[in-house]
Protein backbone atom coordinates (compact mmCIF):
# COMPACT_ATOMS: atom_id res chain seq x y z
CA MET A 1 79.54 115.93 106.45
CA LEU A 2 82.63 117.93 107.38
CA ALA A 3 85.43 118.33 104.84
CA ILE A 4 88.35 120.74 104.85
CA GLY A 5 89.19 122.27 101.51
CA PHE A 6 89.22 125.39 99.37
CA ASP A 7 87.24 126.80 96.49
CA GLU A 8 90.06 128.93 95.05
CA PRO A 9 93.78 128.12 95.35
CA GLY A 10 96.00 130.40 97.37
CA GLY A 11 97.75 130.66 100.71
CA PRO A 12 96.94 128.60 103.82
CA GLU A 13 94.10 130.99 104.64
CA VAL A 14 91.98 129.60 101.78
CA LEU A 15 91.47 126.34 103.69
CA ARG A 16 88.16 126.23 105.53
CA PRO A 17 85.43 123.80 106.64
CA PHE A 18 82.77 122.77 104.14
CA HIS A 19 79.60 120.73 104.53
CA VAL A 20 79.55 118.17 101.72
CA PRO A 21 77.32 115.18 100.93
CA GLU A 22 78.28 111.97 102.67
CA PRO A 23 79.83 109.48 100.20
CA HIS A 24 78.90 105.81 99.97
CA ALA A 25 81.00 102.81 99.00
CA GLY A 26 80.31 101.15 95.67
CA ALA A 27 81.47 97.79 94.37
CA GLY A 28 85.07 97.09 95.39
CA GLU A 29 85.19 100.18 97.59
CA VAL A 30 85.51 100.90 101.31
CA ARG A 31 84.17 103.83 103.27
CA ILE A 32 86.31 104.96 106.19
CA GLU A 33 85.32 107.20 109.08
CA VAL A 34 88.50 109.26 109.29
CA ALA A 35 90.07 109.83 112.69
CA ALA A 36 93.34 111.38 111.47
CA ALA A 37 94.80 112.72 108.22
CA ALA A 38 98.44 113.64 107.70
CA VAL A 39 99.54 116.93 106.17
CA ASN A 40 102.12 116.55 103.39
CA PRO A 41 104.13 119.03 101.32
CA SER A 42 102.18 117.87 98.27
CA ASP A 43 99.03 119.14 100.01
CA THR A 44 100.51 122.63 100.17
CA VAL A 45 101.46 122.41 96.49
CA THR A 46 97.89 121.42 95.61
CA ARG A 47 96.41 124.23 97.71
CA SER A 48 98.81 126.85 96.31
CA GLY A 49 97.52 126.50 92.74
CA ILE A 50 100.83 125.43 91.18
CA VAL A 51 99.11 122.33 89.80
CA HIS A 52 95.66 123.87 89.40
CA ASP A 53 95.46 122.67 85.79
CA ARG A 54 95.23 119.08 87.08
CA TYR A 55 91.96 119.72 88.84
CA ARG A 56 90.57 122.77 87.03
CA GLU A 57 87.60 120.74 85.75
CA VAL A 58 86.74 119.38 89.22
CA ALA A 59 83.89 121.14 91.02
CA PRO A 60 84.95 122.75 94.31
CA PRO A 61 85.44 122.40 97.18
CA TYR A 62 88.87 120.95 96.49
CA VAL A 63 89.76 118.56 99.33
CA PRO A 64 93.48 117.82 99.85
CA GLY A 65 95.07 114.92 101.67
CA TRP A 66 96.72 111.60 100.76
CA ASP A 67 96.80 109.84 104.14
CA ALA A 68 94.00 108.69 106.39
CA ALA A 69 93.59 106.46 109.42
CA GLY A 70 90.23 105.47 110.82
CA ILE A 71 87.50 102.84 111.02
CA VAL A 72 85.73 101.08 108.17
CA ASP A 73 82.01 101.77 108.38
CA GLU A 74 80.79 100.60 104.97
CA ALA A 75 82.20 97.93 102.64
CA GLY A 76 80.97 95.21 100.33
CA PRO A 77 81.72 91.56 101.22
CA GLU A 78 83.86 91.23 98.10
CA THR A 79 86.38 93.73 99.51
CA GLY A 80 87.46 91.58 102.45
CA TRP A 81 86.90 94.54 104.81
CA ARG A 82 84.25 94.72 107.52
CA SER A 83 82.66 97.51 109.53
CA GLY A 84 84.77 98.21 112.59
CA ASP A 85 88.13 97.33 111.00
CA ARG A 86 90.84 99.79 112.06
CA VAL A 87 92.74 100.83 108.95
CA ILE A 88 95.07 103.15 107.13
CA ALA A 89 94.42 104.28 103.57
CA VAL A 90 95.96 106.28 100.76
CA THR A 91 93.69 108.32 98.52
CA LEU A 92 94.05 110.72 95.61
CA PRO A 93 93.62 114.33 96.73
CA VAL A 94 91.00 116.57 95.06
CA LEU A 95 90.34 114.03 92.31
CA ALA A 96 88.42 110.73 92.59
CA GLY A 97 85.94 112.10 95.11
CA GLY A 98 88.35 114.20 97.11
CA GLY A 99 91.20 113.75 99.53
CA ALA A 100 91.64 112.64 103.12
CA TYR A 101 90.76 115.94 104.83
CA ALA A 102 87.18 114.73 105.31
CA ARG A 103 85.12 113.03 108.01
CA LYS A 104 84.40 110.11 105.69
CA ILE A 105 86.18 108.99 102.55
CA VAL A 106 85.59 106.24 100.00
CA VAL A 107 88.56 104.47 98.45
CA PRO A 108 89.17 101.28 96.43
CA ALA A 109 89.72 98.31 98.73
CA GLY A 110 93.28 97.87 97.44
CA GLN A 111 94.25 101.26 98.89
CA VAL A 112 93.51 100.13 102.46
CA ALA A 113 95.63 98.22 104.97
CA HIS A 114 95.25 97.25 108.61
CA LEU A 115 96.30 99.82 111.18
CA PRO A 116 99.81 98.82 112.29
CA GLU A 117 99.52 96.78 115.46
CA GLY A 118 100.38 98.84 118.50
CA SER A 119 99.86 102.22 116.80
CA ASP A 120 97.13 104.81 117.22
CA PHE A 121 95.29 106.62 114.44
CA VAL A 122 97.41 109.78 114.63
CA SER A 123 100.77 108.06 114.29
CA ALA A 124 99.51 105.57 111.68
CA ALA A 125 98.21 108.39 109.48
CA THR A 126 101.81 109.46 108.85
CA LEU A 127 102.68 106.21 107.06
CA PRO A 128 100.85 105.68 103.73
CA MET A 129 101.96 108.34 101.26
CA ASN A 130 105.47 108.91 102.63
CA GLY A 131 106.09 105.23 103.20
CA LEU A 132 104.91 104.36 99.69
CA THR A 133 107.13 107.07 98.21
CA ALA A 134 110.16 105.55 99.92
CA TRP A 135 109.09 102.01 99.01
CA PHE A 136 108.75 102.69 95.29
CA ALA A 137 111.91 104.80 95.19
CA LEU A 138 113.83 101.79 96.47
CA ASP A 139 111.95 99.42 94.16
CA THR A 140 113.28 101.52 91.29
CA LEU A 141 116.82 101.34 92.61
CA ASP A 142 116.58 97.59 93.19
CA GLN A 143 116.43 97.29 89.40
CA GLN A 144 119.73 99.17 89.04
CA ALA A 145 123.31 98.14 89.81
CA GLY A 146 125.01 99.15 93.06
CA ARG A 147 124.32 99.11 96.77
CA THR A 148 125.44 102.49 98.16
CA ILE A 149 122.94 105.32 98.16
CA ALA A 150 122.79 108.88 99.44
CA VAL A 151 119.63 110.41 100.89
CA THR A 152 118.96 114.16 100.94
CA GLY A 153 116.46 115.52 103.43
CA ALA A 154 117.27 112.53 105.59
CA ALA A 155 115.68 113.93 108.77
CA GLY A 156 112.36 114.49 107.01
CA ALA A 157 109.46 112.07 106.88
CA VAL A 158 110.22 110.55 103.47
CA GLY A 159 113.97 110.63 104.04
CA GLY A 160 113.60 108.74 107.30
CA TYR A 161 111.53 106.01 105.68
CA VAL A 162 114.04 105.74 102.82
CA ILE A 163 116.85 105.16 105.31
CA GLN A 164 114.96 102.57 107.33
CA LEU A 165 113.66 100.67 104.30
CA ALA A 166 117.04 100.83 102.57
CA LYS A 167 118.68 99.12 105.52
CA THR A 168 116.16 96.26 105.31
CA ARG A 169 117.24 95.80 101.68
CA GLY A 170 120.94 95.74 102.39
CA TYR A 171 121.98 99.19 101.19
CA THR A 172 124.81 101.25 102.65
CA VAL A 173 123.28 104.69 103.32
CA ILE A 174 125.00 108.06 103.34
CA ALA A 175 122.67 110.78 104.62
CA ASP A 176 122.70 114.52 105.14
CA ALA A 177 121.80 116.31 108.37
CA LYS A 178 122.28 119.60 110.11
CA PRO A 179 124.05 119.26 113.48
CA SER A 180 120.85 119.22 115.50
CA ASP A 181 119.47 116.35 113.39
CA ALA A 182 122.63 114.25 113.10
CA GLN A 183 121.82 111.88 115.96
CA LEU A 184 118.26 111.43 114.74
CA VAL A 185 119.52 110.42 111.31
CA ARG A 186 122.04 108.00 112.83
CA ASP A 187 119.27 106.50 114.95
CA LEU A 188 117.21 105.99 111.79
CA GLY A 189 120.03 103.78 110.55
CA ALA A 190 122.27 105.86 108.30
CA ASP A 191 125.78 104.38 108.02
CA VAL A 192 127.41 107.75 107.36
CA VAL A 193 126.02 111.19 108.22
CA LEU A 194 127.50 114.22 106.46
CA PRO A 195 126.64 117.90 106.95
CA ARG A 196 123.77 119.08 104.78
CA GLY A 197 124.21 122.06 102.49
CA ALA A 198 125.44 123.13 99.08
CA ASP A 199 128.64 121.09 99.41
CA PHE A 200 126.91 117.78 100.27
CA ALA A 201 127.78 116.34 96.86
CA ALA A 202 131.43 117.31 97.26
CA ARG A 203 131.53 115.72 100.72
CA ILE A 204 130.10 112.50 99.28
CA ARG A 205 132.78 112.50 96.58
CA ALA A 206 135.46 113.00 99.22
CA HIS A 207 134.07 110.08 101.21
CA THR A 208 133.46 107.65 98.34
CA HIS A 209 135.94 108.82 95.67
CA ASN A 210 133.83 107.63 92.73
CA GLY A 211 130.46 108.75 94.08
CA VAL A 212 127.42 106.79 95.24
CA ASP A 213 125.43 104.42 93.07
CA ALA A 214 122.30 106.51 93.53
CA VAL A 215 120.79 109.51 95.28
CA VAL A 216 117.25 109.57 96.60
CA ASP A 217 116.63 113.31 96.50
CA THR A 218 113.84 113.88 99.00
CA ALA A 219 115.05 117.46 99.62
CA LEU A 220 114.52 118.39 95.94
CA GLN A 221 118.10 119.60 95.45
CA GLY A 222 118.09 118.61 91.79
CA ASP A 223 121.26 119.50 89.88
CA ALA A 224 123.11 120.28 93.12
CA VAL A 225 123.43 116.57 93.92
CA VAL A 226 124.23 115.19 90.45
CA ALA A 227 127.96 115.38 91.20
CA ALA A 228 127.46 112.93 94.11
CA VAL A 229 126.49 110.13 91.72
CA ARG A 230 128.98 107.86 89.96
CA ASP A 231 129.00 107.53 86.19
CA GLU A 232 126.00 105.45 85.01
CA GLY A 233 124.37 105.85 88.42
CA SER A 234 120.81 106.92 89.27
CA ILE A 235 118.88 109.80 90.82
CA ILE A 236 115.39 109.39 92.23
CA ILE A 237 113.34 112.60 92.13
CA LEU A 238 110.04 113.07 93.92
CA ARG A 239 108.64 115.96 91.90
CA PRO A 240 108.77 116.93 88.23
CA ALA A 241 111.37 119.50 87.24
CA ALA A 242 108.62 122.10 86.81
CA LEU A 243 107.99 121.91 90.55
CA GLY A 244 111.62 122.34 91.50
CA GLY A 245 112.54 118.71 91.96
CA GLY A 246 114.38 117.92 88.73
CA ALA A 247 117.93 116.95 87.86
CA THR A 248 119.74 117.21 84.53
CA PRO A 249 121.24 113.90 83.35
CA GLU A 250 124.97 113.72 82.59
CA ARG A 251 127.72 111.09 82.53
CA GLY A 252 125.17 108.42 81.73
CA ILE A 253 123.24 109.08 84.96
CA SER A 254 119.58 108.10 84.77
CA VAL A 255 116.84 110.16 86.42
CA HIS A 256 113.78 108.33 87.76
CA PRO A 257 110.69 110.22 88.96
CA VAL A 258 108.62 108.46 91.63
CA VAL A 259 104.94 109.39 91.77
CA VAL A 260 102.80 107.55 94.34
CA ALA A 261 99.67 108.17 92.27
CA ASP A 262 101.08 105.74 89.70
CA HIS A 263 101.10 102.93 92.29
CA LEU A 264 97.80 103.23 94.13
CA ASP A 265 96.60 99.90 92.76
CA GLU A 266 99.49 97.94 94.30
CA PRO A 267 98.18 96.90 97.75
CA TYR A 268 101.14 94.66 98.65
CA ALA A 269 103.33 97.66 99.44
CA LEU A 270 100.91 99.33 101.88
CA ASN A 271 100.33 96.04 103.69
CA ALA A 272 104.08 95.45 103.92
CA LEU A 273 104.62 98.95 105.31
CA SER A 274 101.96 98.35 107.96
CA ARG A 275 103.74 95.17 109.08
CA LEU A 276 107.11 96.94 109.20
CA ALA A 277 105.64 99.72 111.33
CA ALA A 278 104.07 97.13 113.63
CA ASP A 279 107.37 95.36 114.26
CA GLY A 280 109.26 98.62 114.84
CA THR A 281 111.30 98.60 111.62
CA LEU A 282 109.65 101.87 110.58
CA SER A 283 109.30 104.83 112.94
CA LEU A 284 105.96 106.66 112.88
CA ARG A 285 106.92 110.24 113.68
CA VAL A 286 104.30 112.83 114.58
CA ALA A 287 105.47 116.43 114.70
CA ARG A 288 102.25 118.00 115.97
CA THR A 289 98.49 117.61 115.82
CA PHE A 290 95.72 120.10 115.07
CA PRO A 291 91.93 119.86 114.99
CA ALA A 292 90.87 119.48 111.36
CA GLU A 293 89.30 122.93 111.41
CA GLN A 294 92.79 124.39 111.98
CA ALA A 295 94.23 122.97 108.77
CA ALA A 296 95.30 126.46 107.69
CA ARG A 297 97.57 126.71 110.73
CA ALA A 298 98.99 123.27 109.98
CA HIS A 299 99.84 124.35 106.43
CA GLU A 300 101.48 127.53 107.71
CA LEU A 301 103.67 125.56 110.08
CA LEU A 302 104.68 123.04 107.42
CA GLU A 303 105.56 125.75 104.91
CA ALA A 304 107.68 127.54 107.51
CA GLY A 305 110.07 124.56 107.35
CA GLY A 306 111.99 122.58 109.92
CA VAL A 307 109.18 120.13 110.68
CA ARG A 308 110.44 116.69 111.71
CA GLY A 309 107.87 113.97 111.20
CA ARG A 310 104.37 114.81 110.01
CA ILE A 311 101.71 117.22 111.19
CA VAL A 312 98.39 115.44 111.58
CA LEU A 313 94.80 116.71 111.50
CA GLU A 314 92.35 115.07 113.91
CA PHE A 315 88.65 114.67 113.09
């Protein structure tokens, strides 16, 4: 069975096709014939070796990928899924049998949801990991006081989902954008769009006086955006400080990391995201597609920056 992975971490060139044994679903699991798998920044981090210690004991090949869309072809009756169901799924890269860059994957039934009605496999593959990141970021903020948030990296995949989901929850959203992305970010639903850059926090202060209640820092600006937050406010970070996504607390500001891997056993969120994509509340944005065998080129393009939406590998 075809899988795309690497046996030693490094640059994009380490990604290559492997022939691996075909997996089979056990109790409570679903096997999916993958049609499309999204390429995320976390995949490039995994491949680079920055987090090699997390999977050092796993036997190669190391298979990246969080997001898959495809067709169920093996599942027990207790799962509620049947062969032929068109689905999306989120899986844990490298660990737990490997990630989504594979012709077939096996995942727990709770990590699967119906393909959003009206979508194809390529567009639907962009939803799970990024949508869940935005969902749980906002779940964290829903437990805090305040209703005005700022979003960095607003034109990106996670940033766009944060804006759209935040509007469904009644937040006022201030977002950053470069001039060429400003209309896109407005169309996503941002109430206020300010120029991105080193002075974004100062611009927020000028606009709000006391600062926003929270920042969802999808652009990993860290300490550069702390000044945008009011006293006793919150910052959501998407990577640990060791990976360049941290922020130093001050003025009573609380810092909340959001890690999708901590929420894989919460199926309600993925099902809700699928429904929101089906009714048009969430935009499924595809930047470009590549055959799975060209995953190295996809990683190169993503690491070059400026990608809007998600690159998707097709199997």
